C-alpha atoms as a PDB file:
ATOM      1  CA  MET A   1       1.945 -73.894  98.641  1.00  0.00           C
ATOM      2  CA  SER A   2       5.064 -72.621 100.385  1.00  0.00           C
ATOM      3  CA  THR A   3       5.618 -68.877 100.632  1.00  0.00           C
ATOM      4  CA  THR A   4       9.061 -67.379 100.213  1.00  0.00           C
ATOM      5  CA  ARG A   5      10.550 -66.012 103.386  1.00  0.00           C
ATOM      6  CA  LYS A   6      10.703 -62.195 103.493  1.00  0.00           C
ATOM      7  CA  HIS A   7      14.379 -61.332 103.687  1.00  0.00           C
ATOM      8  CA  THR A   8      15.201 -58.299 105.820  1.00  0.00           C
ATOM      9  CA  ALA A   9      18.247 -57.565 103.642  1.00  0.00           C
ATOM     10  CA  LEU A  10      16.162 -57.160 100.466  1.00  0.00           C
ATOM     11  CA  PRO A  11      16.144 -53.308 100.597  1.00  0.00           C
ATOM     12  CA  LYS A  12      19.971 -53.435 100.475  1.00  0.00           C
ATOM     13  CA  ALA A  13      19.803 -55.436  97.254  1.00  0.00           C
ATOM     14  CA  GLN A  14      17.349 -52.908  95.789  1.00  0.00           C
ATOM     15  CA  ILE A  15      19.736 -50.052  96.623  1.00  0.00           C
ATOM     16  CA  LEU A  16      22.578 -51.888  94.873  1.00  0.00           C
ATOM     17  CA  ILE A  17      20.415 -52.542  91.808  1.00  0.00           C
ATOM     18  CA  GLU A  18      19.480 -48.841  91.635  1.00  0.00           C
ATOM     19  CA  ALA A  19      23.201 -48.090  91.423  1.00  0.00           C
ATOM     20  CA  LEU A  20      23.745 -50.515  88.521  1.00  0.00           C
ATOM     21  CA  PRO A  21      23.112 -48.118  85.568  1.00  0.00           C
ATOM     22  CA  TRP A  22      25.433 -45.557  87.169  1.00  0.00           C
ATOM     23  CA  LEU A  23      28.121 -48.181  87.803  1.00  0.00           C
ATOM     24  CA  VAL A  24      27.940 -49.252  84.156  1.00  0.00           C
ATOM     25  CA  ARG A  25      28.016 -45.646  82.908  1.00  0.00           C
ATOM     26  CA  HIS A  26      30.967 -44.597  85.060  1.00  0.00           C
ATOM     27  CA  ASN A  27      33.064 -47.771  84.859  1.00  0.00           C
ATOM     28  CA  GLY A  28      36.655 -46.898  83.919  1.00  0.00           C
ATOM     29  CA  LYS A  29      35.902 -43.152  83.921  1.00  0.00           C
ATOM     30  CA  THR A  30      37.958 -40.519  85.731  1.00  0.00           C
ATOM     31  CA  VAL A  31      36.221 -38.437  88.399  1.00  0.00           C
ATOM     32  CA  VAL A  32      37.953 -35.342  89.826  1.00  0.00           C
ATOM     33  CA  ILE A  33      36.779 -34.411  93.324  1.00  0.00           C
ATOM     34  CA  LYS A  34      37.551 -31.061  94.973  1.00  0.00           C
ATOM     35  CA  PHE A  35      37.707 -31.720  98.734  1.00  0.00           C
ATOM     36  CA  GLY A  36      36.846 -28.660 100.812  1.00  0.00           C
ATOM     37  CA  GLY A  37      34.597 -26.918 103.312  1.00  0.00           C
ATOM     38  CA  ASN A  38      33.293 -28.580 106.489  1.00  0.00           C
ATOM     39  CA  ALA A  39      34.165 -32.010 105.096  1.00  0.00           C
ATOM     40  CA  MET A  40      37.831 -31.081 105.672  1.00  0.00           C
ATOM     41  CA  ILE A  41      37.345 -30.213 109.349  1.00  0.00           C
ATOM     42  CA  ASP A  42      34.688 -32.565 110.771  1.00  0.00           C
ATOM     43  CA  GLU A  43      36.191 -35.970 111.703  1.00  0.00           C
ATOM     44  CA  ASP A  44      33.089 -38.009 110.758  1.00  0.00           C
ATOM     45  CA  LEU A  45      32.712 -36.217 107.411  1.00  0.00           C
ATOM     46  CA  LYS A  46      36.418 -36.744 106.655  1.00  0.00           C
ATOM     47  CA  ALA A  47      36.101 -40.482 107.330  1.00  0.00           C
ATOM     48  CA  ALA A  48      32.916 -40.716 105.194  1.00  0.00           C
ATOM     49  CA  PHE A  49      34.655 -38.831 102.362  1.00  0.00           C
ATOM     50  CA  ALA A  50      37.546 -41.308 102.417  1.00  0.00           C
ATOM     51  CA  GLN A  51      35.095 -44.245 102.345  1.00  0.00           C
ATOM     52  CA  ASP A  52      33.268 -42.716  99.352  1.00  0.00           C
ATOM     53  CA  VAL A  53      36.470 -42.218  97.369  1.00  0.00           C
ATOM     54  CA  VAL A  54      37.646 -45.777  98.092  1.00  0.00           C
ATOM     55  CA  PHE A  55      34.175 -47.076  97.115  1.00  0.00           C
ATOM     56  CA  LEU A  56      34.421 -45.250  93.760  1.00  0.00           C
ATOM     57  CA  HIS A  57      37.841 -46.825  93.222  1.00  0.00           C
ATOM     58  CA  HIS A  58      36.584 -50.355  93.948  1.00  0.00           C
ATOM     59  CA  ALA A  59      33.467 -49.735  91.839  1.00  0.00           C
ATOM     60  CA  GLY A  60      35.699 -49.317  88.782  1.00  0.00           C
ATOM     61  CA  LEU A  61      35.991 -45.520  88.631  1.00  0.00           C
ATOM     62  CA  LYS A  62      39.254 -43.564  88.730  1.00  0.00           C
ATOM     63  CA  PRO A  63      38.980 -40.885  91.440  1.00  0.00           C
ATOM     64  CA  VAL A  64      41.461 -37.999  91.611  1.00  0.00           C
ATOM     65  CA  VAL A  65      41.278 -35.799  94.728  1.00  0.00           C
ATOM     66  CA  VAL A  66      42.305 -32.117  94.702  1.00  0.00           C
ATOM     67  CA  HIS A  67      42.345 -30.141  97.932  1.00  0.00           C
ATOM     68  CA  GLY A  68      43.016 -26.706  99.341  1.00  0.00           C
ATOM     69  CA  GLY A  69      43.043 -25.928 103.047  1.00  0.00           C
ATOM     70  CA  GLY A  70      41.684 -22.452 103.800  1.00  0.00           C
ATOM     71  CA  PRO A  71      40.774 -22.933 107.484  1.00  0.00           C
ATOM     72  CA  GLN A  72      43.989 -24.834 108.263  1.00  0.00           C
ATOM     73  CA  ILE A  73      46.119 -22.213 106.483  1.00  0.00           C
ATOM     74  CA  SER A  74      44.444 -19.363 108.398  1.00  0.00           C
ATOM     75  CA  ALA A  75      45.045 -21.155 111.729  1.00  0.00           C
ATOM     76  CA  ALA A  76      48.709 -21.822 110.902  1.00  0.00           C
ATOM     77  CA  LEU A  77      49.297 -18.209 109.776  1.00  0.00           C
ATOM     78  CA  ASP A  78      47.828 -17.038 113.102  1.00  0.00           C
ATOM     79  CA  GLN A  79      50.273 -19.292 114.956  1.00  0.00           C
ATOM     80  CA  HIS A  80      53.136 -17.752 112.974  1.00  0.00           C
ATOM     81  CA  GLY A  81      51.895 -14.218 113.660  1.00  0.00           C
ATOM     82  CA  ILE A  82      51.050 -13.589 109.985  1.00  0.00           C
ATOM     83  CA  VAL A  83      47.820 -11.683 109.333  1.00  0.00           C
ATOM     84  CA  SER A  84      45.364 -13.322 106.899  1.00  0.00           C
ATOM     85  CA  GLU A  85      44.291 -10.820 104.255  1.00  0.00           C
ATOM     86  CA  PHE A  86      42.023 -11.309 101.235  1.00  0.00           C
ATOM     87  CA  LYS A  87      41.672  -9.188  98.104  1.00  0.00           C
ATOM     88  CA  ALA A  88      39.245  -9.977  95.265  1.00  0.00           C
ATOM     89  CA  GLY A  89      38.333 -13.172  97.142  1.00  0.00           C
ATOM     90  CA  LEU A  90      41.945 -14.446  97.053  1.00  0.00           C
ATOM     91  CA  ARG A  91      44.427 -14.861  99.908  1.00  0.00           C
ATOM     92  CA  VAL A  92      47.253 -12.318  99.817  1.00  0.00           C
ATOM     93  CA  THR A  93      50.287 -14.627  99.911  1.00  0.00           C
ATOM     94  CA  THR A  94      53.617 -13.071 100.934  1.00  0.00           C
ATOM     95  CA  GLU A  95      56.913 -15.004 100.793  1.00  0.00           C
ATOM     96  CA  ASP A  96      56.536 -15.956 104.485  1.00  0.00           C
ATOM     97  CA  ALA A  97      52.875 -16.866 104.022  1.00  0.00           C
ATOM     98  CA  MET A  98      53.759 -19.080 101.021  1.00  0.00           C
ATOM     99  CA  ASP A  99      56.124 -21.148 103.186  1.00  0.00           C
ATOM    100  CA  VAL A 100      53.258 -21.733 105.619  1.00  0.00           C
ATOM    101  CA  VAL A 101      50.765 -22.499 102.805  1.00  0.00           C
ATOM    102  CA  ARG A 102      53.121 -25.079 101.327  1.00  0.00           C
ATOM    103  CA  MET A 103      53.788 -26.667 104.716  1.00  0.00           C
ATOM    104  CA  VAL A 104      50.074 -26.876 105.621  1.00  0.00           C
ATOM    105  CA  LEU A 105      48.842 -28.179 102.250  1.00  0.00           C
ATOM    106  CA  ALA A 106      51.568 -30.700 101.456  1.00  0.00           C
ATOM    107  CA  GLY A 107      52.663 -31.482 105.023  1.00  0.00           C
ATOM    108  CA  HIS A 108      49.414 -31.568 106.970  1.00  0.00           C
ATOM    109  CA  VAL A 109      46.136 -31.608 104.996  1.00  0.00           C
ATOM    110  CA  GLN A 110      47.411 -33.907 102.248  1.00  0.00           C
ATOM    111  CA  ARG A 111      49.122 -36.283 104.694  1.00  0.00           C
ATOM    112  CA  GLU A 112      45.961 -36.641 106.769  1.00  0.00           C
ATOM    113  CA  LEU A 113      43.812 -37.331 103.706  1.00  0.00           C
ATOM    114  CA  VAL A 114      46.288 -39.857 102.303  1.00  0.00           C
ATOM    115  CA  GLY A 115      46.306 -41.587 105.720  1.00  0.00           C
ATOM    116  CA  LEU A 116      42.491 -41.800 105.826  1.00  0.00           C
ATOM    117  CA  LEU A 117      42.327 -43.285 102.323  1.00  0.00           C
ATOM    118  CA  ASN A 118      45.121 -45.735 103.048  1.00  0.00           C
ATOM    119  CA  GLN A 119      43.266 -47.198 106.032  1.00  0.00           C
ATOM    120  CA  HIS A 120      41.400 -49.099 103.295  1.00  0.00           C
ATOM    121  CA  GLY A 121      44.468 -50.381 101.444  1.00  0.00           C
ATOM    122  CA  PRO A 122      47.664 -49.191  99.701  1.00  0.00           C
ATOM    123  CA  LEU A 123      45.786 -46.790  97.456  1.00  0.00           C
ATOM    124  CA  ALA A 124      46.479 -43.077  97.889  1.00  0.00           C
ATOM    125  CA  ILE A 125      49.609 -41.214  96.855  1.00  0.00           C
ATOM    126  CA  GLY A 126      50.057 -37.539  97.712  1.00  0.00           C
ATOM    127  CA  MET A 127      51.611 -35.015  95.363  1.00  0.00           C
ATOM    128  CA  THR A 128      51.518 -31.286  94.710  1.00  0.00           C
ATOM    129  CA  GLY A 129      51.169 -29.383  91.467  1.00  0.00           C
ATOM    130  CA  GLU A 130      54.956 -28.901  91.615  1.00  0.00           C
ATOM    131  CA  ASP A 131      55.575 -32.623  91.125  1.00  0.00           C
ATOM    132  CA  ALA A 132      56.387 -33.719  87.566  1.00  0.00           C
ATOM    133  CA  HIS A 133      55.282 -30.243  86.328  1.00  0.00           C
ATOM    134  CA  THR A 134      51.666 -31.223  87.002  1.00  0.00           C
ATOM    135  CA  ILE A 135      50.467 -27.607  87.463  1.00  0.00           C
ATOM    136  CA  THR A 136      52.374 -24.632  86.086  1.00  0.00           C
ATOM    137  CA  ALA A 137      51.371 -21.062  86.903  1.00  0.00           C
ATOM    138  CA  THR A 138      52.371 -17.464  86.455  1.00  0.00           C
ATOM    139  CA  LYS A 139      51.792 -14.578  88.858  1.00  0.00           C
ATOM    140  CA  HIS A 140      48.133 -13.602  89.108  1.00  0.00           C
ATOM    141  CA  GLN A 141      47.267  -9.936  89.553  1.00  0.00           C
ATOM    142  CA  PRO A 142      43.538  -9.323  90.015  1.00  0.00           C
ATOM    143  CA  GLU A 143      41.956  -6.109  88.844  1.00  0.00           C
ATOM    144  CA  ILE A 144      40.368  -4.069  91.649  1.00  0.00           C
ATOM    145  CA  ASP A 145      38.697  -0.752  90.809  1.00  0.00           C
ATOM    146  CA  GLY A 146      40.346  -0.747  87.398  1.00  0.00           C
ATOM    147  CA  GLU A 147      43.890  -1.324  88.720  1.00  0.00           C
ATOM    148  CA  LEU A 148      46.044  -4.466  88.780  1.00  0.00           C
ATOM    149  CA  VAL A 149      46.858  -5.371  92.397  1.00  0.00           C
ATOM    150  CA  ASP A 150      49.883  -7.343  93.632  1.00  0.00           C
ATOM    151  CA  ILE A 151      48.692 -10.083  96.000  1.00  0.00           C
ATOM    152  CA  GLY A 152      52.012 -11.929  96.208  1.00  0.00           C
ATOM    153  CA  ARG A 153      52.518 -15.606  95.440  1.00  0.00           C
ATOM    154  CA  VAL A 154      49.073 -16.290  94.000  1.00  0.00           C
ATOM    155  CA  GLY A 155      49.202 -18.116  90.699  1.00  0.00           C
ATOM    156  CA  GLU A 156      47.183 -18.243  87.526  1.00  0.00           C
ATOM    157  CA  ILE A 157      47.370 -21.680  85.893  1.00  0.00           C
ATOM    158  CA  THR A 158      49.090 -21.652  82.499  1.00  0.00           C
ATOM    159  CA  ALA A 159      49.700 -25.371  81.863  1.00  0.00           C
ATOM    160  CA  ILE A 160      48.737 -28.835  83.126  1.00  0.00           C
ATOM    161  CA  ASP A 161      50.792 -31.998  82.608  1.00  0.00           C
ATOM    162  CA  THR A 162      48.713 -35.062  83.491  1.00  0.00           C
ATOM    163  CA  GLY A 163      51.483 -37.646  82.913  1.00  0.00           C
ATOM    164  CA  ALA A 164      52.185 -38.447  86.576  1.00  0.00           C
ATOM    165  CA  ILE A 165      48.474 -38.578  87.475  1.00  0.00           C
ATOM    166  CA  GLU A 166      47.692 -40.892  84.555  1.00  0.00           C
ATOM    167  CA  ALA A 167      50.575 -43.190  85.528  1.00  0.00           C
ATOM    168  CA  LEU A 168      49.226 -43.424  89.083  1.00  0.00           C
ATOM    169  CA  LEU A 169      45.672 -44.123  87.845  1.00  0.00           C
ATOM    170  CA  GLU A 170      47.022 -46.791  85.497  1.00  0.00           C
ATOM    171  CA  ASP A 171      48.722 -48.371  88.516  1.00  0.00           C
ATOM    172  CA  GLY A 172      45.412 -48.481  90.421  1.00  0.00           C
ATOM    173  CA  ARG A 173      46.293 -45.638  92.811  1.00  0.00           C
ATOM    174  CA  ILE A 174      44.293 -42.621  94.008  1.00  0.00           C
ATOM    175  CA  PRO A 175      46.230 -39.357  93.437  1.00  0.00           C
ATOM    176  CA  VAL A 176      45.727 -36.704  96.144  1.00  0.00           C
ATOM    177  CA  ILE A 177      46.907 -33.330  94.838  1.00  0.00           C
ATOM    178  CA  SER A 178      47.654 -30.149  96.802  1.00  0.00           C
ATOM    179  CA  SER A 179      46.841 -26.927  94.942  1.00  0.00           C
ATOM    180  CA  ILE A 180      50.379 -25.544  94.734  1.00  0.00           C
ATOM    181  CA  ALA A 181      51.928 -24.804  91.329  1.00  0.00           C
ATOM    182  CA  ARG A 182      55.427 -24.450  89.930  1.00  0.00           C
ATOM    183  CA  SER A 183      56.351 -21.189  88.288  1.00  0.00           C
ATOM    184  CA  GLN A 184      56.412 -20.757  84.548  1.00  0.00           C
ATOM    185  CA  ASP A 185      58.895 -17.904  84.669  1.00  0.00           C
ATOM    186  CA  ASP A 186      60.456 -16.862  87.999  1.00  0.00           C
ATOM    187  CA  GLY A 187      61.419 -20.037  89.879  1.00  0.00           C
ATOM    188  CA  HIS A 188      58.870 -19.482  92.692  1.00  0.00           C
ATOM    189  CA  VAL A 189      56.047 -21.717  93.794  1.00  0.00           C
ATOM    190  CA  TYR A 190      52.500 -20.372  93.738  1.00  0.00           C
ATOM    191  CA  ASN A 191      49.355 -20.801  95.781  1.00  0.00           C
ATOM    192  CA  VAL A 192      46.517 -21.543  93.348  1.00  0.00           C
ATOM    193  CA  ASN A 193      42.791 -21.670  94.061  1.00  0.00           C
ATOM    194  CA  ALA A 194      41.858 -25.329  94.622  1.00  0.00           C
ATOM    195  CA  ASP A 195      38.506 -25.021  92.781  1.00  0.00           C
ATOM    196  CA  THR A 196      40.319 -23.619  89.748  1.00  0.00           C
ATOM    197  CA  ALA A 197      43.020 -26.311  89.961  1.00  0.00           C
ATOM    198  CA  ALA A 198      40.430 -29.114  90.172  1.00  0.00           C
ATOM    199  CA  ALA A 199      38.575 -27.764  87.120  1.00  0.00           C
ATOM    200  CA  ALA A 200      41.785 -27.412  85.078  1.00  0.00           C
ATOM    201  CA  LEU A 201      42.855 -30.959  85.987  1.00  0.00           C
ATOM    202  CA  ALA A 202      39.390 -32.372  85.171  1.00  0.00           C
ATOM    203  CA  ALA A 203      39.516 -30.774  81.723  1.00  0.00           C
ATOM    204  CA  ALA A 204      43.099 -31.906  81.052  1.00  0.00           C
ATOM    205  CA  LEU A 205      42.327 -35.473  82.160  1.00  0.00           C
ATOM    206  CA  GLY A 206      39.158 -35.639  80.049  1.00  0.00           C
ATOM    207  CA  ALA A 207      37.272 -36.552  83.230  1.00  0.00           C
ATOM    208  CA  GLU A 208      33.694 -37.816  83.108  1.00  0.00           C
ATOM    209  CA  THR A 209      32.738 -35.506  85.951  1.00  0.00           C
ATOM    210  CA  LEU A 210      34.044 -32.803  88.298  1.00  0.00           C
ATOM    211  CA  MET A 211      32.597 -32.793  91.822  1.00  0.00           C
ATOM    212  CA  VAL A 212      33.113 -29.787  94.089  1.00  0.00           C
ATOM    213  CA  LEU A 213      32.312 -30.247  97.778  1.00  0.00           C
ATOM    214  CA  THR A 214      31.030 -27.092  99.446  1.00  0.00           C
ATOM    215  CA  ASP A 215      29.144 -25.961 102.567  1.00  0.00           C
ATOM    216  CA  VAL A 216      25.811 -25.247 100.892  1.00  0.00           C
ATOM    217  CA  GLU A 217      23.217 -27.523  99.278  1.00  0.00           C
ATOM    218  CA  GLY A 218      24.065 -26.307  95.781  1.00  0.00           C
ATOM    219  CA  LEU A 219      23.305 -23.228  93.720  1.00  0.00           C
ATOM    220  CA  TYR A 220      20.181 -21.517  95.052  1.00  0.00           C
ATOM    221  CA  GLU A 221      17.447 -20.325  92.690  1.00  0.00           C
ATOM    222  CA  ASP A 222      16.858 -16.971  94.390  1.00  0.00           C
ATOM    223  CA  TRP A 223      19.026 -16.617  97.495  1.00  0.00           C
ATOM    224  CA  PRO A 224      18.308 -15.272 100.142  1.00  0.00           C
ATOM    225  CA  ASN A 225      14.585 -15.136  99.276  1.00  0.00           C
ATOM    226  CA  SER A 226      14.359 -18.865  98.601  1.00  0.00           C
ATOM    227  CA  ASP A 227      16.329 -21.980  99.493  1.00  0.00           C
ATOM    228  CA  GLU A 228      15.240 -23.844  96.339  1.00  0.00           C
ATOM    229  CA  VAL A 229      18.315 -25.489  94.806  1.00  0.00           C
ATOM    230  CA  ILE A 230      18.784 -25.464  91.026  1.00  0.00           C
ATOM    231  CA  SER A 231      19.318 -29.149  90.302  1.00  0.00           C
ATOM    232  CA  ARG A 232      20.528 -28.808  86.693  1.00  0.00           C
ATOM    233  CA  LEU A 233      21.613 -26.014  84.401  1.00  0.00           C
ATOM    234  CA  THR A 234      23.525 -25.599  81.143  1.00  0.00           C
ATOM    235  CA  ALA A 235      26.798 -23.745  80.692  1.00  0.00           C
ATOM    236  CA  LYS A 236      25.009 -20.776  79.065  1.00  0.00           C
ATOM    237  CA  GLN A 237      22.492 -20.555  81.918  1.00  0.00           C
ATOM    238  CA  LEU A 238      25.327 -20.620  84.457  1.00  0.00           C
ATOM    239  CA  GLU A 239      27.258 -17.932  82.577  1.00  0.00           C
ATOM    240  CA  LYS A 240      24.267 -15.587  82.894  1.00  0.00           C
ATOM    241  CA  LEU A 241      24.039 -16.219  86.654  1.00  0.00           C
ATOM    242  CA  LEU A 242      27.757 -15.732  87.435  1.00  0.00           C
ATOM    243  CA  PRO A 243      27.684 -11.926  87.983  1.00  0.00           C
ATOM    244  CA  GLU A 244      24.970 -12.332  90.656  1.00  0.00           C
ATOM    245  CA  LEU A 245      26.691 -15.038  92.724  1.00  0.00           C
ATOM    246  CA  ALA A 246      28.178 -14.651  96.206  1.00  0.00           C
ATOM    247  CA  SER A 247      31.977 -14.270  96.003  1.00  0.00           C
ATOM    248  CA  GLY A 248      32.655 -17.666  97.639  1.00  0.00           C
ATOM    249  CA  MET A 249      30.670 -19.480  94.960  1.00  0.00           C
ATOM    250  CA  VAL A 250      32.291 -17.692  92.011  1.00  0.00           C
ATOM    251  CA  PRO A 251      35.518 -19.772  91.717  1.00  0.00           C
ATOM    252  CA  LYS A 252      33.503 -22.984  92.196  1.00  0.00           C
ATOM    253  CA  MET A 253      30.968 -22.145  89.487  1.00  0.00           C
ATOM    254  CA  GLU A 254      33.632 -20.670  87.163  1.00  0.00           C
ATOM    255  CA  GLY A 255      35.479 -23.970  87.614  1.00  0.00           C
ATOM    256  CA  CYS A 256      32.340 -25.946  86.692  1.00  0.00           C
ATOM    257  CA  LEU A 257      31.858 -23.735  83.631  1.00  0.00           C
ATOM    258  CA  HIS A 258      35.493 -24.191  82.520  1.00  0.00           C
ATOM    259  CA  ALA A 259      35.216 -27.969  82.968  1.00  0.00           C
ATOM    260  CA  VAL A 260      32.054 -28.501  80.896  1.00  0.00           C
ATOM    261  CA  ARG A 261      33.266 -26.097  78.202  1.00  0.00           C
ATOM    262  CA  ASN A 262      36.462 -28.165  77.911  1.00  0.00           C
ATOM    263  CA  GLY A 263      35.264 -31.728  77.509  1.00  0.00           C
ATOM    264  CA  VAL A 264      34.047 -32.743  80.990  1.00  0.00           C
ATOM    265  CA  ASN A 265      30.549 -34.274  80.720  1.00  0.00           C
ATOM    266  CA  THR A 266      29.113 -32.968  83.992  1.00  0.00           C
ATOM    267  CA  ALA A 267      30.273 -30.713  86.818  1.00  0.00           C
ATOM    268  CA  ARG A 268      28.508 -30.824  90.171  1.00  0.00           C
ATOM    269  CA  VAL A 269      28.522 -28.686  93.294  1.00  0.00           C
ATOM    270  CA  ILE A 270      27.432 -30.846  96.218  1.00  0.00           C
ATOM    271  CA  ASP A 271      26.882 -30.408  99.953  1.00  0.00           C
ATOM    272  CA  GLY A 272      29.961 -31.733 101.736  1.00  0.00           C
ATOM    273  CA  ARG A 273      28.128 -31.441 105.077  1.00  0.00           C
ATOM    274  CA  VAL A 274      26.050 -34.503 104.137  1.00  0.00           C
ATOM    275  CA  GLN A 275      27.733 -37.825 104.873  1.00  0.00           C
ATOM    276  CA  HIS A 276      28.343 -39.890 101.715  1.00  0.00           C
ATOM    277  CA  SER A 277      27.158 -37.011  99.501  1.00  0.00           C
ATOM    278  CA  ILE A 278      29.466 -38.231  96.710  1.00  0.00           C
ATOM    279  CA  LEU A 279      27.782 -41.640  96.547  1.00  0.00           C
ATOM    280  CA  LEU A 280      24.315 -40.071  96.773  1.00  0.00           C
ATOM    281  CA  GLU A 281      25.150 -37.805  93.845  1.00  0.00           C
ATOM    282  CA  ILE A 282      26.744 -40.384  91.560  1.00  0.00           C
ATOM    283  CA  PHE A 283      24.769 -43.544  92.275  1.00  0.00           C
ATOM    284  CA  THR A 284      21.157 -42.597  93.078  1.00  0.00           C
ATOM    285  CA  ASP A 285      18.193 -41.459  91.004  1.00  0.00           C
ATOM    286  CA  GLU A 286      17.603 -38.382  93.143  1.00  0.00           C
ATOM    287  CA  GLY A 287      21.132 -36.965  93.291  1.00  0.00           C
ATOM    288  CA  ILE A 288      21.839 -33.911  95.416  1.00  0.00           C
ATOM    289  CA  GLY A 289      23.332 -30.509  94.686  1.00  0.00           C
ATOM    290  CA  THR A 290      23.583 -28.666  91.366  1.00  0.00           C
ATOM    291  CA  MET A 291      24.734 -30.277  88.119  1.00  0.00           C
ATOM    292  CA  VAL A 292      26.144 -28.223  85.238  1.00  0.00           C
ATOM    293  CA  VAL A 293      26.047 -29.755  81.751  1.00  0.00           C
ATOM    294  CA  PRO A 294      27.579 -28.572  78.465  1.00  0.00           C
ATOM    295  CA  ASP A 295      25.522 -26.633  75.926  1.00  0.00           C
ATOM    296  CA  GLU A 296      24.535 -28.613  72.835  1.00  0.00           C
ATOM    297  CA  ASP A 297      27.184 -26.875  70.700  1.00  0.00           C
ATOM    298  CA  ASP A 298      29.882 -27.729  73.317  1.00  0.00           C
ATOM    299  CA  LYS A 299      28.777 -31.378  73.171  1.00  0.00           C
ATOM    300  CA  LYS A 300      28.985 -31.423  69.361  1.00  0.00           C
ATOM    301  CA  LYS A 301      32.504 -29.973  69.536  1.00  0.00           C
ATOM    302  CA  GLY A 302      33.443 -32.714  72.027  1.00  0.00           C
ATOM    303  CA  ASP A 303      31.917 -35.442  69.811  1.00  0.00           C
ATOM    304  CA  ALA A 304      33.788 -34.116  66.767  1.00  0.00           C
ATOM    305  CA  ALA A 305      37.069 -34.163  68.690  1.00  0.00           C
END
């Protein structure tokens, strides 16, 4: 009796089969990805990120990329002799600083990302929140020690218009969006937090999932006493944890909370320092990072709508 030859490529087929239920579940669905952290600076991680996004596109998903550019903005402000200052975790953005922010986000970070994606085909198109009224904002004044503080051209999102993004997705493109907003009232442009912008866009687009790349493994159970990552939690559980979180994680987790409370099925914080972390999170049984899911009553509201 003849024996079948053992094919060395068989494990590859098994990996593809493991991805099948996820491919079926996500086919045709919109995924909003916040690009940030080390993944924006390290050349290998940047290239792997671009490959992941293009893979999602060819696997039948509709990826939308939103980015900030903290490290690049700080470096450019230094070059222009402008001091970087933060209040309430937000960058103080003067008129001069806003010109630099706009130039770095739309002229440098976005262009590089669009170029990396387009090495794989005519896919990515860059835009900012100013384009086609995609993101509208008003001046944000945080409260510090009971007083409202002026931190310049920092915006609070008041409206999202998804028309241009939806047209690009319909055309088979990958929108790459810089977190700059048009003004609702004073004709200025505003710097908006990229985590917040990604969450608002995910909700407005009715995305299947929001993915936020960061420089940690996820949300830790009891940091710094333990490095156990919470793999899954509900919106209510996250809400309870928010006051205890490190300031850098607050906008990310607030964004996840906003997304799942407004129709997004899952929001995930994943480690952008791991190559192909997006594919590991979406298409494998293990997944990595922390996933936030809606509460049951949020789900019922979504089903009723």
